[in-house]
């Protein structure tokens, strides 16, 4: 199973990033007032998913990449990583 982590974007109520997981769909992120706080939370989420061997985290840098990976239009080659035993 894999999780797609979107880029930090400015929204009407602050800065946030969204995540997408198979079976769950898109989950909107918490809105942060400062962009630095949003990036800190995103980096923490990336590290948390990296520790979980059952999940592969795909980190997107652009909204277009996030849409492509979360809808399945792009091959998910980097989602099949092996967990170090």
PDB file of N, CA and C in Angstrom:
ATOM      1  N   UNK A   1       0.845  -1.180   0.000  1.00  0.00           N
ATOM      2  CA  UNK A   1       0.000   0.000   0.000  1.00  0.00           C
ATOM      3  C   UNK A   1       0.885   1.236   0.000  1.00  0.00           C
ATOM      4  N   UNK A   2       0.396   2.288  -0.599  1.00  0.00           N
ATOM      5  CA  UNK A   2       1.178   3.515  -0.659  1.00  0.00           C
ATOM      6  C   UNK A   2       0.333   4.719  -0.303  1.00  0.00           C
ATOM      7  N   UNK A   3       1.028   5.773   0.089  1.00  0.00           N
ATOM      8  CA  UNK A   3       0.411   7.047   0.440  1.00  0.00           C
ATOM      9  C   UNK A   3       1.080   8.120  -0.403  1.00  0.00           C
ATOM     10  N   UNK A   4       0.279   8.992  -0.987  1.00  0.00           N
ATOM     11  CA  UNK A   4       0.797  10.109  -1.782  1.00  0.00           C
ATOM     12  C   UNK A   4       0.660  11.368  -0.942  1.00  0.00           C
ATOM     13  N   UNK A   5       1.774  12.061  -0.752  1.00  0.00           N
ATOM     14  CA  UNK A   5       1.799  13.295   0.039  1.00  0.00           C
ATOM     15  C   UNK A   5       1.955  14.470  -0.917  1.00  0.00           C
ATOM     16  N   UNK A   6       1.013  15.379  -0.850  1.00  0.00           N
ATOM     17  CA  UNK A   6       0.994  16.511  -1.772  1.00  0.00           C
ATOM     18  C   UNK A   6       1.894  17.655  -1.339  1.00  0.00           C
ATOM     19  N   UNK A   7       2.031  18.640  -2.200  1.00  0.00           N
ATOM     20  CA  UNK A   7       2.849  19.817  -1.879  1.00  0.00           C
ATOM     21  C   UNK A   7       2.113  20.752  -0.925  1.00  0.00           C
ATOM     22  N   UNK A   8       2.864  21.619  -0.285  1.00  0.00           N
ATOM     23  CA  UNK A   8       2.262  22.649   0.563  1.00  0.00           C
ATOM     24  C   UNK A   8       1.699  23.725  -0.366  1.00  0.00           C
ATOM     25  N   UNK A   9       0.414  24.009  -0.180  1.00  0.00           N
ATOM     26  CA  UNK A   9      -0.270  24.994  -1.018  1.00  0.00           C
ATOM     27  C   UNK A   9      -0.939  26.053  -0.152  1.00  0.00           C
ATOM     28  N   UNK A  10      -1.051  27.250  -0.713  1.00  0.00           N
ATOM     29  CA  UNK A  10      -1.757  28.309  -0.006  1.00  0.00           C
ATOM     30  C   UNK A  10      -3.243  28.191  -0.311  1.00  0.00           C
ATOM     31  N   UNK A  11      -4.037  28.153   0.730  1.00  0.00           N
ATOM     32  CA  UNK A  11      -5.485  28.069   0.591  1.00  0.00           C
ATOM     33  C   UNK A  11      -6.090  29.287   1.269  1.00  0.00           C
ATOM     34  N   UNK A  12      -7.401  29.411   1.209  1.00  0.00           N
ATOM     35  CA  UNK A  12      -8.086  30.568   1.784  1.00  0.00           C
ATOM     36  C   UNK A  12      -7.867  30.676   3.290  1.00  0.00           C
ATOM     37  N   UNK A  13      -7.753  29.533   3.964  1.00  0.00           N
ATOM     38  CA  UNK A  13      -7.603  29.556   5.424  1.00  0.00           C
ATOM     39  C   UNK A  13      -6.183  29.280   5.881  1.00  0.00           C
ATOM     40  N   UNK A  14      -5.197  29.389   5.012  1.00  0.00           N
ATOM     41  CA  UNK A  14      -3.808  29.196   5.397  1.00  0.00           C
ATOM     42  C   UNK A  14      -3.080  28.271   4.438  1.00  0.00           C
ATOM     43  N   UNK A  15      -1.989  27.684   4.926  1.00  0.00           N
ATOM     44  CA  UNK A  15      -1.177  26.766   4.133  1.00  0.00           C
ATOM     45  C   UNK A  15      -1.450  25.345   4.599  1.00  0.00           C
ATOM     46  N   UNK A  16      -1.523  24.414   3.642  1.00  0.00           N
ATOM     47  CA  UNK A  16      -1.732  23.025   4.017  1.00  0.00           C
ATOM     48  C   UNK A  16      -1.273  22.104   2.904  1.00  0.00           C
ATOM     49  N   UNK A  17      -1.166  20.827   3.246  1.00  0.00           N
ATOM     50  CA  UNK A  17      -0.861  19.793   2.263  1.00  0.00           C
ATOM     51  C   UNK A  17      -1.886  18.686   2.436  1.00  0.00           C
ATOM     52  N   UNK A  18      -2.204  18.012   1.359  1.00  0.00           N
ATOM     53  CA  UNK A  18      -3.168  16.924   1.381  1.00  0.00           C
ATOM     54  C   UNK A  18      -2.434  15.600   1.218  1.00  0.00           C
ATOM     55  N   UNK A  19      -3.077  14.540   1.659  1.00  0.00           N
ATOM     56  CA  UNK A  19      -2.548  13.197   1.447  1.00  0.00           C
ATOM     57  C   UNK A  19      -3.620  12.355   0.766  1.00  0.00           C
ATOM     58  N   UNK A  20      -3.173  11.317   0.067  1.00  0.00           N
ATOM     59  CA  UNK A  20      -4.082  10.396  -0.588  1.00  0.00           C
ATOM     60  C   UNK A  20      -3.617   8.982  -0.294  1.00  0.00           C
ATOM     61  N   UNK A  21      -4.553   8.119   0.054  1.00  0.00           N
ATOM     62  CA  UNK A  21      -4.246   6.711   0.306  1.00  0.00           C
ATOM     63  C   UNK A  21      -5.297   5.850  -0.381  1.00  0.00           C
ATOM     64  N   UNK A  22      -4.870   4.715  -0.892  1.00  0.00           N
ATOM     65  CA  UNK A  22      -5.801   3.790  -1.528  1.00  0.00           C
ATOM     66  C   UNK A  22      -6.834   3.343  -0.503  1.00  0.00           C
ATOM     67  N   UNK A  23      -8.075   3.384  -0.884  1.00  0.00           N
ATOM     68  CA  UNK A  23      -9.151   2.992   0.006  1.00  0.00           C
ATOM     69  C   UNK A  23      -9.696   4.125   0.858  1.00  0.00           C
ATOM     70  N   UNK A  24      -8.898   5.155   1.081  1.00  0.00           N
ATOM     71  CA  UNK A  24      -9.329   6.302   1.883  1.00  0.00           C
ATOM     72  C   UNK A  24      -9.633   7.517   1.024  1.00  0.00           C
ATOM     73  N   UNK A  25      -8.923   7.658  -0.069  1.00  0.00           N
ATOM     74  CA  UNK A  25      -9.078   8.839  -0.909  1.00  0.00           C
ATOM     75  C   UNK A  25      -8.238   9.996  -0.386  1.00  0.00           C
ATOM     76  N   UNK A  26      -8.598  11.187  -0.788  1.00  0.00           N
ATOM     77  CA  UNK A  26      -7.851  12.374  -0.396  1.00  0.00           C
ATOM     78  C   UNK A  26      -8.286  12.847   0.983  1.00  0.00           C
ATOM     79  N   UNK A  27      -7.291  13.112   1.820  1.00  0.00           N
ATOM     80  CA  UNK A  27      -7.533  13.637   3.155  1.00  0.00           C
ATOM     81  C   UNK A  27      -6.958  15.046   3.214  1.00  0.00           C
ATOM     82  N   UNK A  28      -7.795  16.052   3.446  1.00  0.00           N
ATOM     83  CA  UNK A  28      -7.264  17.418   3.526  1.00  0.00           C
ATOM     84  C   UNK A  28      -6.432  17.594   4.790  1.00  0.00           C
ATOM     85  N   UNK A  29      -5.366  18.347   4.647  1.00  0.00           N
ATOM     86  CA  UNK A  29      -4.488  18.595   5.777  1.00  0.00           C
ATOM     87  C   UNK A  29      -4.980  19.717   6.665  1.00  0.00           C
ATOM     88  N   UNK A  30      -4.371  19.807   7.819  1.00  0.00           N
ATOM     89  CA  UNK A  30      -4.678  20.867   8.777  1.00  0.00           C
ATOM     90  C   UNK A  30      -4.174  22.195   8.218  1.00  0.00           C
ATOM     91  N   UNK A  31      -4.948  23.270   8.298  1.00  0.00           N
ATOM     92  CA  UNK A  31      -4.477  24.569   7.806  1.00  0.00           C
ATOM     93  C   UNK A  31      -3.529  25.238   8.814  1.00  0.00           C
ATOM     94  N   UNK A  32      -2.373  25.651   8.324  1.00  0.00           N
ATOM     95  CA  UNK A  32      -1.374  26.342   9.149  1.00  0.00           C
ATOM     96  C   UNK A  32      -1.313  27.804   8.740  1.00  0.00           C
ATOM     97  N   UNK A  33      -1.124  28.666   9.714  1.00  0.00           N
ATOM     98  CA  UNK A  33      -1.048  30.101   9.420  1.00  0.00           C
ATOM     99  C   UNK A  33       0.279  30.478   8.784  1.00  0.00           C
ATOM    100  N   UNK A  34       1.336  29.760   9.165  1.00  0.00           N
ATOM    101  CA  UNK A  34       2.670  30.064   8.621  1.00  0.00           C
ATOM    102  C   UNK A  34       3.121  28.938   7.707  1.00  0.00           C
ATOM    103  N   UNK A  35       3.744  29.307   6.601  1.00  0.00           N
ATOM    104  CA  UNK A  35       4.195  28.311   5.637  1.00  0.00           C
ATOM    105  C   UNK A  35       5.277  27.404   6.239  1.00  0.00           C
ATOM    106  N   UNK A  36       6.095  27.973   7.126  1.00  0.00           N
ATOM    107  CA  UNK A  36       7.141  27.181   7.770  1.00  0.00           C
ATOM    108  C   UNK A  36       6.542  26.048   8.603  1.00  0.00           C
ATOM    109  N   UNK A  37       5.430  26.331   9.263  1.00  0.00           N
ATOM    110  CA  UNK A  37       4.769  25.305  10.071  1.00  0.00           C
ATOM    111  C   UNK A  37       4.204  24.194   9.192  1.00  0.00           C
ATOM    112  N   UNK A  38       3.671  24.557   8.035  1.00  0.00           N
ATOM    113  CA  UNK A  38       3.129  23.563   7.114  1.00  0.00           C
ATOM    114  C   UNK A  38       4.229  22.652   6.581  1.00  0.00           C
ATOM    115  N   UNK A  39       5.380  23.227   6.237  1.00  0.00           N
ATOM    116  CA  UNK A  39       6.503  22.410   5.757  1.00  0.00           C
ATOM    117  C   UNK A  39       7.049  21.514   6.869  1.00  0.00           C
ATOM    118  N   UNK A  40       7.085  22.010   8.078  1.00  0.00           N
ATOM    119  CA  UNK A  40       7.545  21.201   9.207  1.00  0.00           C
ATOM    120  C   UNK A  40       6.628  19.992   9.402  1.00  0.00           C
ATOM    121  N   UNK A  41       5.320  20.219   9.356  1.00  0.00           N
ATOM    122  CA  UNK A  41       4.356  19.129   9.521  1.00  0.00           C
ATOM    123  C   UNK A  41       4.443  18.137   8.364  1.00  0.00           C
ATOM    124  N   UNK A  42       4.652  18.635   7.155  1.00  0.00           N
ATOM    125  CA  UNK A  42       4.775  17.750   5.989  1.00  0.00           C
ATOM    126  C   UNK A  42       6.019  16.886   6.106  1.00  0.00           C
ATOM    127  N   UNK A  43       7.123  17.481   6.506  1.00  0.00           N
ATOM    128  CA  UNK A  43       8.355  16.700   6.677  1.00  0.00           C
ATOM    129  C   UNK A  43       8.200  15.649   7.774  1.00  0.00           C
ATOM    130  N   UNK A  44       7.488  15.989   8.837  1.00  0.00           N
ATOM    131  CA  UNK A  44       7.226  15.025   9.904  1.00  0.00           C
ATOM    132  C   UNK A  44       6.364  13.872   9.394  1.00  0.00           C
ATOM    133  N   UNK A  45       5.385  14.173   8.548  1.00  0.00           N
ATOM    134  CA  UNK A  45       4.544  13.124   7.975  1.00  0.00           C
ATOM    135  C   UNK A  45       5.353  12.210   7.060  1.00  0.00           C
ATOM    136  N   UNK A  46       6.248  12.786   6.281  1.00  0.00           N
ATOM    137  CA  UNK A  46       7.108  11.988   5.399  1.00  0.00           C
ATOM    138  C   UNK A  46       7.967  11.044   6.226  1.00  0.00           C
ATOM    139  N   UNK A  47       8.553  11.541   7.301  1.00  0.00           N
ATOM    140  CA  UNK A  47       9.395  10.698   8.161  1.00  0.00           C
ATOM    141  C   UNK A  47       8.578   9.610   8.843  1.00  0.00           C
ATOM    142  N   UNK A  48       7.366   9.927   9.246  1.00  0.00           N
ATOM    143  CA  UNK A  48       6.509   8.931   9.901  1.00  0.00           C
ATOM    144  C   UNK A  48       6.148   7.807   8.932  1.00  0.00           C
ATOM    145  N   UNK A  49       5.823   8.150   7.692  1.00  0.00           N
ATOM    146  CA  UNK A  49       5.509   7.120   6.709  1.00  0.00           C
ATOM    147  C   UNK A  49       6.740   6.323   6.323  1.00  0.00           C
ATOM    148  N   UNK A  50       7.916   6.951   6.340  1.00  0.00           N
ATOM    149  CA  UNK A  50       9.149   6.245   5.998  1.00  0.00           C
ATOM    150  C   UNK A  50       9.491   5.179   7.029  1.00  0.00           C
ATOM    151  N   UNK A  51       9.098   5.379   8.277  1.00  0.00           N
ATOM    152  CA  UNK A  51       9.366   4.394   9.326  1.00  0.00           C
ATOM    153  C   UNK A  51       8.443   3.190   9.241  1.00  0.00           C
ATOM    154  N   UNK A  52       7.274   3.363   8.634  1.00  0.00           N
ATOM    155  CA  UNK A  52       6.294   2.284   8.527  1.00  0.00           C
ATOM    156  C   UNK A  52       6.601   1.454   7.287  1.00  0.00           C
ATOM    157  N   UNK A  53       7.014   0.222   7.490  1.00  0.00           N
ATOM    158  CA  UNK A  53       7.411  -0.632   6.366  1.00  0.00           C
ATOM    159  C   UNK A  53       6.235  -1.089   5.514  1.00  0.00           C
ATOM    160  N   UNK A  54       5.032  -1.041   6.034  1.00  0.00           N
ATOM    161  CA  UNK A  54       3.854  -1.488   5.283  1.00  0.00           C
ATOM    162  C   UNK A  54       3.397  -0.439   4.278  1.00  0.00           C
ATOM    163  N   UNK A  55       3.825   0.810   4.461  1.00  0.00           N
ATOM    164  CA  UNK A  55       3.410   1.894   3.579  1.00  0.00           C
ATOM    165  C   UNK A  55       4.604   2.455   2.818  1.00  0.00           C
ATOM    166  N   UNK A  56       4.383   2.817   1.588  1.00  0.00           N
ATOM    167  CA  UNK A  56       5.389   3.519   0.806  1.00  0.00           C
ATOM    168  C   UNK A  56       4.894   4.933   0.593  1.00  0.00           C
ATOM    169  N   UNK A  57       5.696   5.906   0.945  1.00  0.00           N
ATOM    170  CA  UNK A  57       5.312   7.308   0.799  1.00  0.00           C
ATOM    171  C   UNK A  57       5.857   7.859  -0.512  1.00  0.00           C
ATOM    172  N   UNK A  58       4.987   8.440  -1.295  1.00  0.00           N
ATOM    173  CA  UNK A  58       5.371   9.110  -2.531  1.00  0.00           C
ATOM    174  C   UNK A  58       5.181  10.601  -2.283  1.00  0.00           C
ATOM    175  N   UNK A  59       6.260  11.346  -2.286  1.00  0.00           N
ATOM    176  CA  UNK A  59       6.225  12.771  -1.975  1.00  0.00           C
ATOM    177  C   UNK A  59       6.208  13.565  -3.276  1.00  0.00           C
ATOM    178  N   UNK A  60       5.185  14.377  -3.449  1.00  0.00           N
ATOM    179  CA  UNK A  60       5.013  15.175  -4.665  1.00  0.00           C
ATOM    180  C   UNK A  60       5.444  16.616  -4.416  1.00  0.00           C
ATOM    181  N   UNK A  61       6.082  17.193  -5.413  1.00  0.00           N
ATOM    182  CA  UNK A  61       6.547  18.568  -5.307  1.00  0.00           C
ATOM    183  C   UNK A  61       5.591  19.568  -5.959  1.00  0.00           C
ATOM    184  N   UNK A  62       4.730  19.089  -6.861  1.00  0.00           N
ATOM    185  CA  UNK A  62       3.794  19.979  -7.540  1.00  0.00           C
ATOM    186  C   UNK A  62       2.374  19.416  -7.446  1.00  0.00           C
ATOM    187  N   UNK A  63       1.396  20.278  -7.648  1.00  0.00           N
ATOM    188  CA  UNK A  63       0.001  19.851  -7.622  1.00  0.00           C
ATOM    189  C   UNK A  63      -0.293  18.905  -8.781  1.00  0.00           C
ATOM    190  N   UNK A  64       0.281  19.180  -9.955  1.00  0.00           N
ATOM    191  CA  UNK A  64       0.068  18.297 -11.109  1.00  0.00           C
ATOM    192  C   UNK A  64       0.582  16.887 -10.830  1.00  0.00           C
ATOM    193  N   UNK A  65       1.732  16.787 -10.207  1.00  0.00           N
ATOM    194  CA  UNK A  65       2.288  15.483  -9.860  1.00  0.00           C
ATOM    195  C   UNK A  65       1.393  14.766  -8.849  1.00  0.00           C
ATOM    196  N   UNK A  66       0.884  15.495  -7.864  1.00  0.00           N
ATOM    197  CA  UNK A  66      -0.007  14.914  -6.865  1.00  0.00           C
ATOM    198  C   UNK A  66      -1.279  14.372  -7.518  1.00  0.00           C
ATOM    199  N   UNK A  67      -1.851  15.132  -8.431  1.00  0.00           N
ATOM    200  CA  UNK A  67      -3.061  14.689  -9.123  1.00  0.00           C
ATOM    201  C   UNK A  67      -2.773  13.449  -9.961  1.00  0.00           C
ATOM    202  N   UNK A  68      -1.661  13.464 -10.686  1.00  0.00           N
ATOM    203  CA  UNK A  68      -1.320  12.327 -11.544  1.00  0.00           C
ATOM    204  C   UNK A  68      -1.092  11.060 -10.731  1.00  0.00           C
ATOM    205  N   UNK A  69      -0.397  11.174  -9.632  1.00  0.00           N
ATOM    206  CA  UNK A  69      -0.086   9.982  -8.838  1.00  0.00           C
ATOM    207  C   UNK A  69      -1.284   9.492  -8.040  1.00  0.00           C
ATOM    208  N   UNK A  70      -2.130  10.391  -7.591  1.00  0.00           N
ATOM    209  CA  UNK A  70      -3.265   9.961  -6.777  1.00  0.00           C
ATOM    210  C   UNK A  70      -4.415   9.420  -7.630  1.00  0.00           C
ATOM    211  N   UNK A  71      -4.451   9.767  -8.911  1.00  0.00           N
ATOM    212  CA  UNK A  71      -5.501   9.247  -9.775  1.00  0.00           C
ATOM    213  C   UNK A  71      -5.047   8.045 -10.577  1.00  0.00           C
ATOM    214  N   UNK A  72      -3.767   7.708 -10.526  1.00  0.00           N
ATOM    215  CA  UNK A  72      -3.267   6.518 -11.206  1.00  0.00           C
ATOM    216  C   UNK A  72      -2.848   6.736 -12.639  1.00  0.00           C
ATOM    217  N   UNK A  73      -2.773   7.988 -13.094  1.00  0.00           N
ATOM    218  CA  UNK A  73      -2.358   8.242 -14.469  1.00  0.00           C
ATOM    219  C   UNK A  73      -0.863   8.030 -14.679  1.00  0.00           C
ATOM    220  N   UNK A  74      -0.127   8.075 -13.622  1.00  0.00           N
ATOM    221  CA  UNK A  74       1.323   7.921 -13.733  1.00  0.00           C
ATOM    222  C   UNK A  74       1.720   6.601 -13.098  1.00  0.00           C
ATOM    223  N   UNK A  75       2.675   5.931 -13.679  1.00  0.00           N
ATOM    224  CA  UNK A  75       3.140   4.664 -13.115  1.00  0.00           C
ATOM    225  C   UNK A  75       3.738   4.919 -11.735  1.00  0.00           C
ATOM    226  N   UNK A  76       3.440   4.056 -10.813  1.00  0.00           N
ATOM    227  CA  UNK A  76       3.909   4.218  -9.445  1.00  0.00           C
ATOM    228  C   UNK A  76       5.132   3.329  -9.200  1.00  0.00           C
ATOM    229  N   UNK A  77       6.155   3.540  -9.995  1.00  0.00           N
ATOM    230  CA  UNK A  77       7.354   2.709  -9.912  1.00  0.00           C
ATOM    231  C   UNK A  77       8.032   2.786  -8.554  1.00  0.00           C
ATOM    232  N   UNK A  78       8.056   3.984  -7.975  1.00  0.00           N
ATOM    233  CA  UNK A  78       8.767   4.130  -6.712  1.00  0.00           C
ATOM    234  C   UNK A  78       7.914   3.738  -5.515  1.00  0.00           C
ATOM    235  N   UNK A  79       6.723   3.215  -5.739  1.00  0.00           N
ATOM    236  CA  UNK A  79       5.880   2.780  -4.624  1.00  0.00           C
ATOM    237  C   UNK A  79       6.241   1.379  -4.163  1.00  0.00           C
ATOM    238  N   UNK A  80       6.983   0.650  -4.959  1.00  0.00           N
ATOM    239  CA  UNK A  80       7.301  -0.725  -4.595  1.00  0.00           C
ATOM    240  C   UNK A  80       8.709  -0.814  -3.991  1.00  0.00           C
ATOM    241  N   UNK A  81       8.890  -0.139  -2.902  1.00  0.00           N
ATOM    242  CA  UNK A  81      10.181  -0.191  -2.215  1.00  0.00           C
ATOM    243  C   UNK A  81      10.169  -1.342  -1.235  1.00  0.00           C
ATOM    244  N   UNK A  82      11.321  -1.870  -0.961  1.00  0.00           N
ATOM    245  CA  UNK A  82      11.412  -2.989  -0.023  1.00  0.00           C
ATOM    246  C   UNK A  82      11.743  -2.442   1.363  1.00  0.00           C
ATOM    247  N   UNK A  83      11.178  -3.049   2.345  1.00  0.00           N
ATOM    248  CA  UNK A  83      11.422  -2.660   3.731  1.00  0.00           C
ATOM    249  C   UNK A  83      12.681  -3.360   4.227  1.00  0.00           C
ATOM    250  N   UNK A  84      13.542  -2.605   4.834  1.00  0.00           N
ATOM    251  CA  UNK A  84      14.754  -3.192   5.400  1.00  0.00           C
ATOM    252  C   UNK A  84      14.392  -3.990   6.645  1.00  0.00           C
ATOM    253  N   UNK A  85      14.787  -5.231   6.643  1.00  0.00           N
ATOM    254  CA  UNK A  85      14.437  -6.115   7.779  1.00  0.00           C
ATOM    255  C   UNK A  85      15.347  -5.936   8.944  1.00  0.00           C
TER     256      UNK A  85
END
